[in-house]
């Protein structure tokens, strides 16, 4: 009796510019990051491969450290896998690292935290280099104000005010470890947020709300009231997708090699 061929599980750290894509997940009649990676794997390995991601990003959202896993029926050295895929993938998607992992690893369920970055171009005049890369805000952004407002989101909170409408049985409680706000190169303002998991549009709504409160001259403490209301109708606009970057996924010590 012929023995069943064993498979090898791989994890990839992937970067992409999401401008030209409908999002990460495969969709009918629209190009996606997942479809491009799976197509490249089929060309390389000669077999249909389904990948699983640490998190699904929306249309226009970018990634600096997305993690995916998949199984192959052959053993390909990680360096060769990385080089080969980068030779096949379009220019706006790249594999930063490839690793062999055990078959219990899961890109999504093994993750213990995720980190996002939201980039704002803060200058009176537009820049062609920031187009589809950062949200453009003409008015000066007060960094101290943003830090104070963001501070009310730290810890375990019900973030129902900062997500799309959800089904009644879905929990909207999440834990946020930190939100850093800094000005870089004079005209870039970057929000960096780390948490155990995020609701749909949560980061973009938090950023949009803080900027709206600042623009209206409201107290940073208003953020606390919005959180306590647990109602999307009280928070601000959703910041544009193209300013959001999926920065990093954190895994427990067993998979420390992915924490880069």
C-alpha atoms as a PDB file:
ATOM      1  CA  UNK A   1       0.000   0.000   0.000  1.00  0.00           C
ATOM      2  CA  UNK A   2       1.391   3.391  -1.016  1.00  0.00           C
ATOM      3  CA  UNK A   3       2.101   5.680   1.924  1.00  0.00           C
ATOM      4  CA  UNK A   4       0.523   9.084   1.964  1.00  0.00           C
ATOM      5  CA  UNK A   5       2.950  11.835   1.046  1.00  0.00           C
ATOM      6  CA  UNK A   6       3.668  14.130   3.984  1.00  0.00           C
ATOM      7  CA  UNK A   7       3.386  17.877   3.675  1.00  0.00           C
ATOM      8  CA  UNK A   8       5.614  20.684   4.886  1.00  0.00           C
ATOM      9  CA  UNK A   9       4.104  23.759   6.537  1.00  0.00           C
ATOM     10  CA  UNK A  10       5.622  27.138   5.717  1.00  0.00           C
ATOM     11  CA  UNK A  11       5.150  30.606   7.139  1.00  0.00           C
ATOM     12  CA  UNK A  12       5.859  33.725   5.113  1.00  0.00           C
ATOM     13  CA  UNK A  13       6.283  37.317   6.236  1.00  0.00           C
ATOM     14  CA  UNK A  14       4.740  39.323   3.400  1.00  0.00           C
ATOM     15  CA  UNK A  15       4.797  43.001   2.477  1.00  0.00           C
ATOM     16  CA  UNK A  16       2.454  44.648   0.004  1.00  0.00           C
ATOM     17  CA  UNK A  17       1.168  47.912  -1.372  1.00  0.00           C
ATOM     18  CA  UNK A  18      -2.592  47.448  -1.245  1.00  0.00           C
ATOM     19  CA  UNK A  19      -3.463  50.265  -3.658  1.00  0.00           C
ATOM     20  CA  UNK A  20      -4.357  48.085  -6.639  1.00  0.00           C
ATOM     21  CA  UNK A  21      -6.162  45.349  -4.687  1.00  0.00           C
ATOM     22  CA  UNK A  22      -9.658  44.714  -3.348  1.00  0.00           C
ATOM     23  CA  UNK A  23      -8.116  43.592  -0.057  1.00  0.00           C
ATOM     24  CA  UNK A  24      -6.301  40.498   1.151  1.00  0.00           C
ATOM     25  CA  UNK A  25      -9.103  37.949   0.839  1.00  0.00           C
ATOM     26  CA  UNK A  26     -10.057  36.319  -2.473  1.00  0.00           C
ATOM     27  CA  UNK A  27     -13.143  37.899  -4.035  1.00  0.00           C
ATOM     28  CA  UNK A  28     -15.116  37.290  -7.189  1.00  0.00           C
ATOM     29  CA  UNK A  29     -14.301  39.617 -10.076  1.00  0.00           C
ATOM     30  CA  UNK A  30     -11.645  41.530  -8.126  1.00  0.00           C
ATOM     31  CA  UNK A  31      -7.913  41.092  -7.664  1.00  0.00           C
ATOM     32  CA  UNK A  32      -6.650  40.284  -4.164  1.00  0.00           C
ATOM     33  CA  UNK A  33      -3.360  39.744  -2.352  1.00  0.00           C
ATOM     34  CA  UNK A  34      -4.354  36.163  -1.505  1.00  0.00           C
ATOM     35  CA  UNK A  35      -5.093  35.332  -5.138  1.00  0.00           C
ATOM     36  CA  UNK A  36      -1.707  36.671  -6.274  1.00  0.00           C
ATOM     37  CA  UNK A  37       0.259  34.697  -3.653  1.00  0.00           C
ATOM     38  CA  UNK A  38      -1.671  31.476  -4.320  1.00  0.00           C
ATOM     39  CA  UNK A  39      -1.154  31.921  -8.074  1.00  0.00           C
ATOM     40  CA  UNK A  40       2.598  32.357  -7.537  1.00  0.00           C
ATOM     41  CA  UNK A  41       2.738  29.237  -5.353  1.00  0.00           C
ATOM     42  CA  UNK A  42       0.930  27.216  -8.015  1.00  0.00           C
ATOM     43  CA  UNK A  43       3.453  28.302 -10.647  1.00  0.00           C
ATOM     44  CA  UNK A  44       6.352  27.447  -8.328  1.00  0.00           C
ATOM     45  CA  UNK A  45       5.108  24.175  -6.826  1.00  0.00           C
ATOM     46  CA  UNK A  46       2.781  22.934  -9.560  1.00  0.00           C
ATOM     47  CA  UNK A  47      -0.078  22.406  -7.102  1.00  0.00           C
ATOM     48  CA  UNK A  48      -3.091  24.290  -5.776  1.00  0.00           C
ATOM     49  CA  UNK A  49      -2.241  25.900  -2.454  1.00  0.00           C
ATOM     50  CA  UNK A  50      -4.551  27.680  -0.022  1.00  0.00           C
ATOM     51  CA  UNK A  51      -2.915  30.222   2.287  1.00  0.00           C
ATOM     52  CA  UNK A  52      -4.140  31.437   5.690  1.00  0.00           C
ATOM     53  CA  UNK A  53      -3.347  34.974   6.887  1.00  0.00           C
ATOM     54  CA  UNK A  54      -2.833  36.454  10.348  1.00  0.00           C
ATOM     55  CA  UNK A  55      -5.358  39.141   9.477  1.00  0.00           C
ATOM     56  CA  UNK A  56      -7.426  40.230   6.500  1.00  0.00           C
ATOM     57  CA  UNK A  57      -6.756  43.746   5.282  1.00  0.00           C
ATOM     58  CA  UNK A  58      -9.311  45.858   3.412  1.00  0.00           C
ATOM     59  CA  UNK A  59      -8.999  47.373  -0.053  1.00  0.00           C
ATOM     60  CA  UNK A  60      -6.179  49.915  -0.190  1.00  0.00           C
ATOM     61  CA  UNK A  61      -4.587  48.884   3.128  1.00  0.00           C
ATOM     62  CA  UNK A  62      -0.854  48.095   3.073  1.00  0.00           C
ATOM     63  CA  UNK A  63       1.257  45.569   4.992  1.00  0.00           C
ATOM     64  CA  UNK A  64       4.806  45.653   6.302  1.00  0.00           C
ATOM     65  CA  UNK A  65       4.640  42.349   8.166  1.00  0.00           C
ATOM     66  CA  UNK A  66       1.620  40.259   7.226  1.00  0.00           C
ATOM     67  CA  UNK A  67       2.096  36.554   8.070  1.00  0.00           C
ATOM     68  CA  UNK A  68       0.608  33.666   6.097  1.00  0.00           C
ATOM     69  CA  UNK A  69       0.958  29.912   6.366  1.00  0.00           C
ATOM     70  CA  UNK A  70       0.343  27.052   3.917  1.00  0.00           C
ATOM     71  CA  UNK A  71       1.199  23.392   3.320  1.00  0.00           C
ATOM     72  CA  UNK A  72       3.207  22.042   0.396  1.00  0.00           C
ATOM     73  CA  UNK A  73       3.661  18.478  -0.777  1.00  0.00           C
ATOM     74  CA  UNK A  74       7.382  19.031  -1.285  1.00  0.00           C
ATOM     75  CA  UNK A  75      10.276  20.371   0.760  1.00  0.00           C
ATOM     76  CA  UNK A  76      11.603  23.621  -0.700  1.00  0.00           C
ATOM     77  CA  UNK A  77      14.464  25.388   1.132  1.00  0.00           C
ATOM     78  CA  UNK A  78      13.109  28.638   2.651  1.00  0.00           C
ATOM     79  CA  UNK A  79      15.691  30.826   0.893  1.00  0.00           C
ATOM     80  CA  UNK A  80      14.804  29.338  -2.470  1.00  0.00           C
ATOM     81  CA  UNK A  81      11.083  29.688  -1.717  1.00  0.00           C
ATOM     82  CA  UNK A  82      11.558  33.345  -0.845  1.00  0.00           C
ATOM     83  CA  UNK A  83      13.678  34.149  -3.919  1.00  0.00           C
ATOM     84  CA  UNK A  84      11.437  32.193  -6.300  1.00  0.00           C
ATOM     85  CA  UNK A  85       8.191  33.732  -5.080  1.00  0.00           C
ATOM     86  CA  UNK A  86       9.636  37.232  -5.307  1.00  0.00           C
ATOM     87  CA  UNK A  87      10.553  36.482  -8.918  1.00  0.00           C
ATOM     88  CA  UNK A  88       6.953  35.504  -9.711  1.00  0.00           C
ATOM     89  CA  UNK A  89       4.901  37.933  -7.631  1.00  0.00           C
ATOM     90  CA  UNK A  90       3.973  41.385  -8.994  1.00  0.00           C
ATOM     91  CA  UNK A  91       6.170  44.316  -7.970  1.00  0.00           C
ATOM     92  CA  UNK A  92       3.736  45.521  -5.295  1.00  0.00           C
ATOM     93  CA  UNK A  93       3.877  42.245  -3.288  1.00  0.00           C
ATOM     94  CA  UNK A  94       7.056  40.811  -1.732  1.00  0.00           C
ATOM     95  CA  UNK A  95       8.081  37.996   0.594  1.00  0.00           C
ATOM     96  CA  UNK A  96      10.359  39.314   3.333  1.00  0.00           C
ATOM     97  CA  UNK A  97      11.064  35.957   5.002  1.00  0.00           C
ATOM     98  CA  UNK A  98      10.142  32.267   4.602  1.00  0.00           C
ATOM     99  CA  UNK A  99      10.303  29.666   7.401  1.00  0.00           C
ATOM    100  CA  UNK A 100       9.454  26.027   7.944  1.00  0.00           C
ATOM    101  CA  UNK A 101       7.075  25.683  10.913  1.00  0.00           C
ATOM    102  CA  UNK A 102       5.471  22.727  12.678  1.00  0.00           C
ATOM    103  CA  UNK A 103       2.025  21.605  11.595  1.00  0.00           C
ATOM    104  CA  UNK A 104       0.365  23.077  14.686  1.00  0.00           C
ATOM    105  CA  UNK A 105       1.320  26.624  13.682  1.00  0.00           C
ATOM    106  CA  UNK A 106      -1.561  28.804  12.506  1.00  0.00           C
ATOM    107  CA  UNK A 107      -0.898  32.299  11.174  1.00  0.00           C
ATOM    108  CA  UNK A 108      -4.086  33.647  12.761  1.00  0.00           C
ATOM    109  CA  UNK A 109      -4.803  31.528  15.822  1.00  0.00           C
ATOM    110  CA  UNK A 110      -1.192  31.209  17.018  1.00  0.00           C
ATOM    111  CA  UNK A 111      -0.808  35.004  17.096  1.00  0.00           C
ATOM    112  CA  UNK A 112      -0.859  36.690  20.503  1.00  0.00           C
ATOM    113  CA  UNK A 113      -0.807  40.327  19.338  1.00  0.00           C
ATOM    114  CA  UNK A 114      -0.889  42.504  16.241  1.00  0.00           C
ATOM    115  CA  UNK A 115       0.507  45.941  15.526  1.00  0.00           C
ATOM    116  CA  UNK A 116      -0.805  48.514  13.064  1.00  0.00           C
ATOM    117  CA  UNK A 117       0.546  51.841  11.933  1.00  0.00           C
ATOM    118  CA  UNK A 118      -1.475  54.771  10.613  1.00  0.00           C
ATOM    119  CA  UNK A 119       0.436  57.413   8.631  1.00  0.00           C
ATOM    120  CA  UNK A 120      -0.667  61.033   8.195  1.00  0.00           C
ATOM    121  CA  UNK A 121       0.970  63.577   5.908  1.00  0.00           C
ATOM    122  CA  UNK A 122       0.601  66.781   7.922  1.00  0.00           C
ATOM    123  CA  UNK A 123       1.447  69.698   5.655  1.00  0.00           C
ATOM    124  CA  UNK A 124      -0.468  72.658   4.172  1.00  0.00           C
ATOM    125  CA  UNK A 125       0.248  71.482   0.627  1.00  0.00           C
ATOM    126  CA  UNK A 126      -0.173  68.101  -1.025  1.00  0.00           C
ATOM    127  CA  UNK A 127       2.684  65.784  -1.981  1.00  0.00           C
ATOM    128  CA  UNK A 128       2.582  63.396  -4.953  1.00  0.00           C
ATOM    129  CA  UNK A 129       4.777  60.987  -2.979  1.00  0.00           C
ATOM    130  CA  UNK A 130       2.150  60.613  -0.246  1.00  0.00           C
ATOM    131  CA  UNK A 131      -0.668  59.781  -2.665  1.00  0.00           C
ATOM    132  CA  UNK A 132      -2.264  56.480  -1.583  1.00  0.00           C
ATOM    133  CA  UNK A 133       0.417  56.188   1.128  1.00  0.00           C
ATOM    134  CA  UNK A 134      -0.818  58.537   3.848  1.00  0.00           C
ATOM    135  CA  UNK A 135      -3.851  60.569   4.879  1.00  0.00           C
ATOM    136  CA  UNK A 136      -3.362  64.246   4.065  1.00  0.00           C
ATOM    137  CA  UNK A 137      -4.241  66.669   6.890  1.00  0.00           C
ATOM    138  CA  UNK A 138      -3.573  70.353   6.207  1.00  0.00           C
ATOM    139  CA  UNK A 139      -4.131  71.706   9.729  1.00  0.00           C
ATOM    140  CA  UNK A 140      -1.298  71.324  12.232  1.00  0.00           C
ATOM    141  CA  UNK A 141      -1.717  68.214  14.401  1.00  0.00           C
ATOM    142  CA  UNK A 142      -1.053  68.626  18.140  1.00  0.00           C
ATOM    143  CA  UNK A 143       0.875  65.470  19.104  1.00  0.00           C
ATOM    144  CA  UNK A 144       0.344  65.919  22.858  1.00  0.00           C
ATOM    145  CA  UNK A 145      -3.409  66.229  22.315  1.00  0.00           C
ATOM    146  CA  UNK A 146      -3.450  63.013  20.247  1.00  0.00           C
ATOM    147  CA  UNK A 147      -1.481  61.149  22.920  1.00  0.00           C
ATOM    148  CA  UNK A 148      -3.915  62.225  25.649  1.00  0.00           C
ATOM    149  CA  UNK A 149      -6.980  61.252  23.614  1.00  0.00           C
ATOM    150  CA  UNK A 150      -5.434  57.924  22.566  1.00  0.00           C
ATOM    151  CA  UNK A 151      -4.574  57.151  26.200  1.00  0.00           C
ATOM    152  CA  UNK A 152      -8.252  56.490  26.960  1.00  0.00           C
ATOM    153  CA  UNK A 153      -8.113  53.509  24.570  1.00  0.00           C
ATOM    154  CA  UNK A 154      -5.334  51.731  26.474  1.00  0.00           C
ATOM    155  CA  UNK A 155      -6.253  48.526  28.300  1.00  0.00           C
ATOM    156  CA  UNK A 156      -9.241  46.228  27.952  1.00  0.00           C
ATOM    157  CA  UNK A 157     -12.172  48.191  26.571  1.00  0.00           C
ATOM    158  CA  UNK A 158     -15.426  47.665  24.758  1.00  0.00           C
ATOM    159  CA  UNK A 159     -14.669  49.217  21.371  1.00  0.00           C
ATOM    160  CA  UNK A 160     -18.214  49.039  19.990  1.00  0.00           C
ATOM    161  CA  UNK A 161     -17.979  52.765  19.211  1.00  0.00           C
ATOM    162  CA  UNK A 162     -15.001  52.106  16.948  1.00  0.00           C
ATOM    163  CA  UNK A 163     -16.100  49.388  14.558  1.00  0.00           C
ATOM    164  CA  UNK A 164     -18.584  48.625  11.835  1.00  0.00           C
ATOM    165  CA  UNK A 165     -21.941  47.331  12.993  1.00  0.00           C
ATOM    166  CA  UNK A 166     -21.534  43.731  14.191  1.00  0.00           C
ATOM    167  CA  UNK A 167     -23.827  40.835  14.950  1.00  0.00           C
ATOM    168  CA  UNK A 168     -25.220  40.801  18.488  1.00  0.00           C
ATOM    169  CA  UNK A 169     -23.281  37.658  19.452  1.00  0.00           C
ATOM    170  CA  UNK A 170     -19.867  39.085  18.487  1.00  0.00           C
ATOM    171  CA  UNK A 171     -17.814  40.493  21.339  1.00  0.00           C
ATOM    172  CA  UNK A 172     -16.459  44.006  20.798  1.00  0.00           C
ATOM    173  CA  UNK A 173     -14.106  43.852  23.793  1.00  0.00           C
ATOM    174  CA  UNK A 174     -10.427  44.081  22.891  1.00  0.00           C
ATOM    175  CA  UNK A 175      -7.163  44.721  24.736  1.00  0.00           C
ATOM    176  CA  UNK A 176      -4.902  47.546  23.512  1.00  0.00           C
ATOM    177  CA  UNK A 177      -1.378  47.440  24.913  1.00  0.00           C
ATOM    178  CA  UNK A 178      -0.252  50.840  23.665  1.00  0.00           C
ATOM    179  CA  UNK A 179      -0.871  53.639  21.191  1.00  0.00           C
ATOM    180  CA  UNK A 180       2.177  55.706  20.294  1.00  0.00           C
ATOM    181  CA  UNK A 181       1.886  59.000  18.423  1.00  0.00           C
ATOM    182  CA  UNK A 182       4.976  60.677  16.988  1.00  0.00           C
ATOM    183  CA  UNK A 183       5.985  63.271  14.431  1.00  0.00           C
ATOM    184  CA  UNK A 184       8.662  62.129  11.979  1.00  0.00           C
ATOM    185  CA  UNK A 185      10.580  64.241   9.430  1.00  0.00           C
ATOM    186  CA  UNK A 186       8.500  67.299  10.452  1.00  0.00           C
ATOM    187  CA  UNK A 187       5.496  66.489   8.249  1.00  0.00           C
ATOM    188  CA  UNK A 188       4.629  62.859   9.021  1.00  0.00           C
ATOM    189  CA  UNK A 189       2.480  61.935  12.020  1.00  0.00           C
ATOM    190  CA  UNK A 190       2.404  58.224  12.838  1.00  0.00           C
ATOM    191  CA  UNK A 191       0.005  56.396  15.132  1.00  0.00           C
ATOM    192  CA  UNK A 192       1.286  52.946  16.172  1.00  0.00           C
ATOM    193  CA  UNK A 193      -1.174  50.690  17.981  1.00  0.00           C
ATOM    194  CA  UNK A 194      -0.626  47.219  19.411  1.00  0.00           C
ATOM    195  CA  UNK A 195      -3.367  44.938  20.732  1.00  0.00           C
ATOM    196  CA  UNK A 196      -4.430  41.329  21.024  1.00  0.00           C
ATOM    197  CA  UNK A 197      -6.865  41.699  18.123  1.00  0.00           C
ATOM    198  CA  UNK A 198      -8.768  44.414  16.292  1.00  0.00           C
ATOM    199  CA  UNK A 199     -12.340  44.949  15.154  1.00  0.00           C
ATOM    200  CA  UNK A 200     -13.166  45.832  11.565  1.00  0.00           C
ATOM    201  CA  UNK A 201     -12.020  49.432  10.897  1.00  0.00           C
ATOM    202  CA  UNK A 202     -11.138  49.897  14.579  1.00  0.00           C
ATOM    203  CA  UNK A 203      -7.763  51.593  14.040  1.00  0.00           C
ATOM    204  CA  UNK A 204      -9.072  53.845  11.278  1.00  0.00           C
ATOM    205  CA  UNK A 205     -12.064  54.968  13.345  1.00  0.00           C
ATOM    206  CA  UNK A 206      -9.916  55.663  16.421  1.00  0.00           C
ATOM    207  CA  UNK A 207      -7.600  57.843  14.323  1.00  0.00           C
ATOM    208  CA  UNK A 208     -10.500  59.553  12.539  1.00  0.00           C
ATOM    209  CA  UNK A 209     -12.223  60.280  15.850  1.00  0.00           C
ATOM    210  CA  UNK A 210      -9.139  61.789  17.504  1.00  0.00           C
ATOM    211  CA  UNK A 211      -8.507  64.044  14.500  1.00  0.00           C
ATOM    212  CA  UNK A 212     -12.131  65.180  14.462  1.00  0.00           C
ATOM    213  CA  UNK A 213     -12.087  66.013  18.187  1.00  0.00           C
ATOM    214  CA  UNK A 214      -8.879  67.995  17.681  1.00  0.00           C
ATOM    215  CA  UNK A 215     -10.335  69.879  14.733  1.00  0.00           C
ATOM    216  CA  UNK A 216     -13.482  70.776  16.702  1.00  0.00           C
ATOM    217  CA  UNK A 217     -11.473  71.914  19.708  1.00  0.00           C
ATOM    218  CA  UNK A 218     -13.070  69.377  22.050  1.00  0.00           C
ATOM    219  CA  UNK A 219     -11.349  68.071  25.179  1.00  0.00           C
ATOM    220  CA  UNK A 220      -9.262  64.878  24.821  1.00  0.00           C
ATOM    221  CA  UNK A 221     -11.458  63.487  27.638  1.00  0.00           C
ATOM    222  CA  UNK A 222     -14.322  63.347  25.131  1.00  0.00           C
ATOM    223  CA  UNK A 223     -12.689  60.126  23.921  1.00  0.00           C
ATOM    224  CA  UNK A 224     -13.553  58.498  27.252  1.00  0.00           C
ATOM    225  CA  UNK A 225     -17.216  59.440  26.848  1.00  0.00           C
ATOM    226  CA  UNK A 226     -17.317  58.038  23.311  1.00  0.00           C
ATOM    227  CA  UNK A 227     -15.841  54.717  24.470  1.00  0.00           C
ATOM    228  CA  UNK A 228     -18.372  54.420  27.309  1.00  0.00           C
ATOM    229  CA  UNK A 229     -21.337  55.003  24.976  1.00  0.00           C
ATOM    230  CA  UNK A 230     -20.497  51.826  22.980  1.00  0.00           C
ATOM    231  CA  UNK A 231     -22.266  53.325  19.980  1.00  0.00           C
ATOM    232  CA  UNK A 232     -20.709  53.925  16.545  1.00  0.00           C
ATOM    233  CA  UNK A 233     -22.975  56.962  16.064  1.00  0.00           C
ATOM    234  CA  UNK A 234     -20.936  58.936  18.623  1.00  0.00           C
ATOM    235  CA  UNK A 235     -17.459  58.391  17.172  1.00  0.00           C
ATOM    236  CA  UNK A 236     -15.844  60.199  14.252  1.00  0.00           C
ATOM    237  CA  UNK A 237     -15.225  59.341  10.595  1.00  0.00           C
ATOM    238  CA  UNK A 238     -13.286  56.341   9.361  1.00  0.00           C
ATOM    239  CA  UNK A 239      -9.824  57.486   8.257  1.00  0.00           C
ATOM    240  CA  UNK A 240      -8.900  56.485   4.659  1.00  0.00           C
ATOM    241  CA  UNK A 241      -7.686  52.940   4.086  1.00  0.00           C
ATOM    242  CA  UNK A 242      -4.479  53.991   2.312  1.00  0.00           C
ATOM    243  CA  UNK A 243      -2.985  55.442   5.510  1.00  0.00           C
ATOM    244  CA  UNK A 244      -3.176  52.092   7.329  1.00  0.00           C
ATOM    245  CA  UNK A 245      -0.304  49.586   7.473  1.00  0.00           C
ATOM    246  CA  UNK A 246      -0.446  46.105   9.008  1.00  0.00           C
ATOM    247  CA  UNK A 247       2.943  46.420  10.659  1.00  0.00           C
ATOM    248  CA  UNK A 248       3.664  43.238  12.621  1.00  0.00           C
ATOM    249  CA  UNK A 249       2.283  40.019  14.103  1.00  0.00           C
ATOM    250  CA  UNK A 250       3.545  38.733  17.454  1.00  0.00           C
ATOM    251  CA  UNK A 251       3.821  35.023  18.284  1.00  0.00           C
ATOM    252  CA  UNK A 252       4.814  33.133  21.451  1.00  0.00           C
ATOM    253  CA  UNK A 253       8.431  32.143  22.108  1.00  0.00           C
ATOM    254  CA  UNK A 254       8.220  28.925  20.117  1.00  0.00           C
ATOM    255  CA  UNK A 255       7.895  30.997  16.969  1.00  0.00           C
ATOM    256  CA  UNK A 256      10.290  33.781  17.938  1.00  0.00           C
ATOM    257  CA  UNK A 257      11.901  33.652  14.504  1.00  0.00           C
ATOM    258  CA  UNK A 258       8.742  35.273  13.099  1.00  0.00           C
ATOM    259  CA  UNK A 259       8.913  38.225  15.495  1.00  0.00           C
ATOM    260  CA  UNK A 260      11.025  40.401  13.191  1.00  0.00           C
END
